[in-house]
């Protein structure tokens, strides 16, 4: 994996997959965080993720849509709340026309402890994606489907022509 921004700075924490021991510790400490599986197309999910990243205010460095391979990738940076340190995030969107997986890695660029900030960042992204899905937004396929013309339940009412009369005016005989 690349360091967000396309270069690895000297002294930075690596943004690589953890070894087996670290992976086990992460799973124990953050059991609620894992890949997100959706029954939607990869291109549609990629759009949702891009919008979520924008709402979260992350700085996107690399944005590769899921092409023929079905794998899209977003590399971004975010600043820590307290000290303003730069943290790196990689979001991978992998799938096909019906099923997609979102996999996120977030790591502090410097330092040994993040006080849960990276886990919170991943949770925030998943919450944004979930909120967008819960809004009831239509899938790309549903939006592209031709709309059926609905037949009226009843025939339209006939127009009633009214004579122009002034209030209080009486007919002349």
Protein backbone atom coordinates (compact mmCIF):
# COMPACT_ATOMS: atom_id res chain seq x y z
CA UNK A 1 0.00 0.00 0.00
CA UNK A 2 1.06 3.54 -0.59
CA UNK A 3 1.31 6.24 1.99
CA UNK A 4 -1.49 8.70 1.15
CA UNK A 5 0.06 11.33 -1.04
CA UNK A 6 2.04 8.79 -3.04
CA UNK A 7 5.24 8.88 -1.00
CA UNK A 8 6.45 7.40 2.24
CA UNK A 9 8.01 10.04 4.45
CA UNK A 10 10.97 9.04 6.55
CA UNK A 11 10.03 8.14 10.12
CA UNK A 12 6.34 7.61 9.26
CA UNK A 13 4.33 4.71 10.55
CA UNK A 14 3.81 2.22 7.71
CA UNK A 15 0.34 1.98 6.22
CA UNK A 16 0.58 -1.74 5.61
CA UNK A 17 -1.47 -4.68 6.73
CA UNK A 18 -0.60 -5.63 10.30
CA UNK A 19 1.16 -8.89 11.07
CA UNK A 20 -0.88 -11.73 12.61
CA UNK A 21 -0.18 -10.68 16.21
CA UNK A 22 -1.16 -7.03 15.62
CA UNK A 23 -4.22 -8.09 13.65
CA UNK A 24 -5.35 -10.25 16.58
CA UNK A 25 -4.86 -7.36 19.03
CA UNK A 26 -6.79 -5.00 16.75
CA UNK A 27 -9.65 -7.49 16.42
CA UNK A 28 -9.85 -7.83 20.21
CA UNK A 29 -9.73 -4.09 20.85
CA UNK A 30 -11.96 -3.03 17.94
CA UNK A 31 -14.24 -5.99 17.30
CA UNK A 32 -16.93 -3.73 15.82
CA UNK A 33 -14.69 -2.60 12.98
CA UNK A 34 -14.31 -4.73 9.90
CA UNK A 35 -15.22 -4.59 6.24
CA UNK A 36 -18.69 -3.38 5.34
CA UNK A 37 -20.67 -5.57 2.93
CA UNK A 38 -23.46 -4.08 0.81
CA UNK A 39 -25.88 -5.50 -1.71
CA UNK A 40 -25.28 -2.73 -4.21
CA UNK A 41 -23.07 -2.25 -7.23
CA UNK A 42 -19.43 -1.24 -6.77
CA UNK A 43 -19.79 1.97 -8.82
CA UNK A 44 -22.83 3.02 -6.77
CA UNK A 45 -21.08 2.31 -3.46
CA UNK A 46 -17.98 4.16 -4.66
CA UNK A 47 -20.12 7.27 -5.25
CA UNK A 48 -21.61 6.95 -1.74
CA UNK A 49 -18.14 6.58 -0.21
CA UNK A 50 -16.82 9.60 -2.14
CA UNK A 51 -19.71 11.72 -0.90
CA UNK A 52 -19.15 10.50 2.67
CA UNK A 53 -15.44 11.33 2.49
CA UNK A 54 -16.38 14.83 1.30
CA UNK A 55 -18.85 15.34 4.15
CA UNK A 56 -16.19 14.25 6.64
CA UNK A 57 -13.80 16.86 5.25
CA UNK A 58 -10.95 14.52 4.39
CA UNK A 59 -8.40 15.65 1.82
CA UNK A 60 -8.50 13.22 -1.10
CA UNK A 61 -5.09 12.47 -2.59
CA UNK A 62 -5.90 9.50 -4.86
CA UNK A 63 -9.33 8.69 -6.30
CA UNK A 64 -9.54 5.62 -8.52
CA UNK A 65 -13.03 4.49 -9.53
CA UNK A 66 -13.80 0.77 -9.76
CA UNK A 67 -13.15 0.10 -13.42
CA UNK A 68 -13.15 -3.24 -15.13
CA UNK A 69 -11.36 -4.79 -12.15
CA UNK A 70 -14.26 -3.85 -9.87
CA UNK A 71 -11.82 -2.33 -7.37
CA UNK A 72 -11.84 1.36 -6.52
CA UNK A 73 -9.54 3.16 -4.10
CA UNK A 74 -9.52 6.44 -2.26
CA UNK A 75 -6.43 7.62 -0.43
CA UNK A 76 -6.98 10.59 1.84
CA UNK A 77 -5.58 12.47 4.79
CA UNK A 78 -7.32 13.80 7.85
CA UNK A 79 -6.10 15.94 10.71
CA UNK A 80 -6.32 14.85 14.33
CA UNK A 81 -8.65 17.00 16.39
CA UNK A 82 -6.38 17.99 19.24
CA UNK A 83 -2.87 18.43 17.87
CA UNK A 84 -3.65 18.62 14.16
CA UNK A 85 -1.43 15.65 13.24
CA UNK A 86 -1.90 14.19 9.78
CA UNK A 87 -3.44 10.73 9.63
CA UNK A 88 -3.62 8.61 6.48
CA UNK A 89 -6.70 6.75 5.27
CA UNK A 90 -7.14 4.22 2.49
CA UNK A 91 -10.61 3.10 1.45
CA UNK A 92 -10.95 0.18 -0.94
CA UNK A 93 -14.28 -0.49 -2.66
CA UNK A 94 -14.40 -3.92 -4.28
CA UNK A 95 -17.36 -5.62 -5.91
CA UNK A 96 -19.52 -6.31 -8.91
CA UNK A 97 -22.97 -5.30 -10.13
CA UNK A 98 -24.77 -6.63 -7.06
CA UNK A 99 -22.39 -6.95 -4.08
CA UNK A 100 -19.67 -4.68 -2.73
CA UNK A 101 -17.17 -4.67 0.11
CA UNK A 102 -15.79 -1.50 1.69
CA UNK A 103 -12.46 -1.98 3.46
CA UNK A 104 -10.86 0.92 5.35
CA UNK A 105 -7.43 1.40 6.92
CA UNK A 106 -6.60 4.47 8.94
CA UNK A 107 -3.24 5.09 10.58
CA UNK A 108 -1.55 7.91 12.40
CA UNK A 109 1.39 9.10 10.37
CA UNK A 110 3.54 9.68 13.45
CA UNK A 111 3.47 8.47 17.04
CA UNK A 112 2.64 5.23 18.78
CA UNK A 113 -0.86 5.97 20.15
CA UNK A 114 -3.91 7.51 18.54
CA UNK A 115 -6.30 7.26 21.52
CA UNK A 116 -8.89 5.59 19.29
CA UNK A 117 -8.96 8.36 16.67
CA UNK A 118 -8.40 6.01 13.72
CA UNK A 119 -11.14 3.64 14.86
CA UNK A 120 -13.48 6.60 15.32
CA UNK A 121 -12.61 7.81 11.80
CA UNK A 122 -13.56 4.43 10.31
CA UNK A 123 -16.79 4.34 12.33
CA UNK A 124 -17.61 7.87 11.12
CA UNK A 125 -17.16 6.84 7.48
CA UNK A 126 -19.36 3.77 7.91
CA UNK A 127 -21.98 5.88 9.70
CA UNK A 128 -22.02 8.39 6.81
CA UNK A 129 -22.44 5.60 4.24
CA UNK A 130 -25.17 3.96 6.34
CA UNK A 131 -27.00 7.29 6.76
CA UNK A 132 -26.96 7.84 3.00
CA UNK A 133 -28.39 4.36 2.46
CA UNK A 134 -31.07 4.86 5.11
CA UNK A 135 -32.28 8.04 3.45
CA UNK A 136 -33.91 5.72 1.00
CA UNK A 137 -31.84 6.85 -1.94
CA UNK A 138 -32.50 4.78 -4.99
CA UNK A 139 -29.80 2.53 -6.36
CA UNK A 140 -28.14 3.42 -9.65
CA UNK A 141 -30.04 0.58 -11.30
CA UNK A 142 -33.36 1.81 -9.88
CA UNK A 143 -32.63 5.35 -11.11
CA UNK A 144 -31.76 4.08 -14.60
CA UNK A 145 -34.87 1.91 -14.93
CA UNK A 146 -37.54 3.32 -17.23
CA UNK A 147 -40.45 4.80 -15.32
CA UNK A 148 -43.82 3.24 -15.91
CA UNK A 149 -46.62 5.61 -16.78
CA UNK A 150 -49.32 5.38 -14.15
CA UNK A 151 -52.90 5.31 -15.32
CA UNK A 152 -55.22 7.69 -13.52
CA UNK A 153 -57.49 6.12 -10.93
CA UNK A 154 -60.50 8.03 -12.22
CA UNK A 155 -61.23 10.08 -15.30
CA UNK A 156 -60.30 13.73 -14.94
CA UNK A 157 -63.09 15.99 -13.71
CA UNK A 158 -64.91 18.02 -16.32
CA UNK A 159 -64.29 21.70 -16.29
CA UNK A 160 -67.27 23.68 -15.19
CA UNK A 161 -67.60 27.03 -16.80
CA UNK A 162 -68.87 29.69 -14.48
CA UNK A 163 -70.61 32.80 -15.62
CA UNK A 164 -69.04 36.02 -14.60
CA UNK A 165 -71.38 37.47 -12.05
CA UNK A 166 -70.76 40.16 -9.61
CA UNK A 167 -71.74 39.53 -6.05
CA UNK A 168 -75.12 40.79 -5.22
CA UNK A 169 -76.05 41.40 -8.83
CA UNK A 170 -79.51 40.18 -9.81
CA UNK A 171 -80.80 38.93 -13.10
CA UNK A 172 -82.67 41.48 -15.17
CA UNK A 173 -86.06 40.58 -16.48
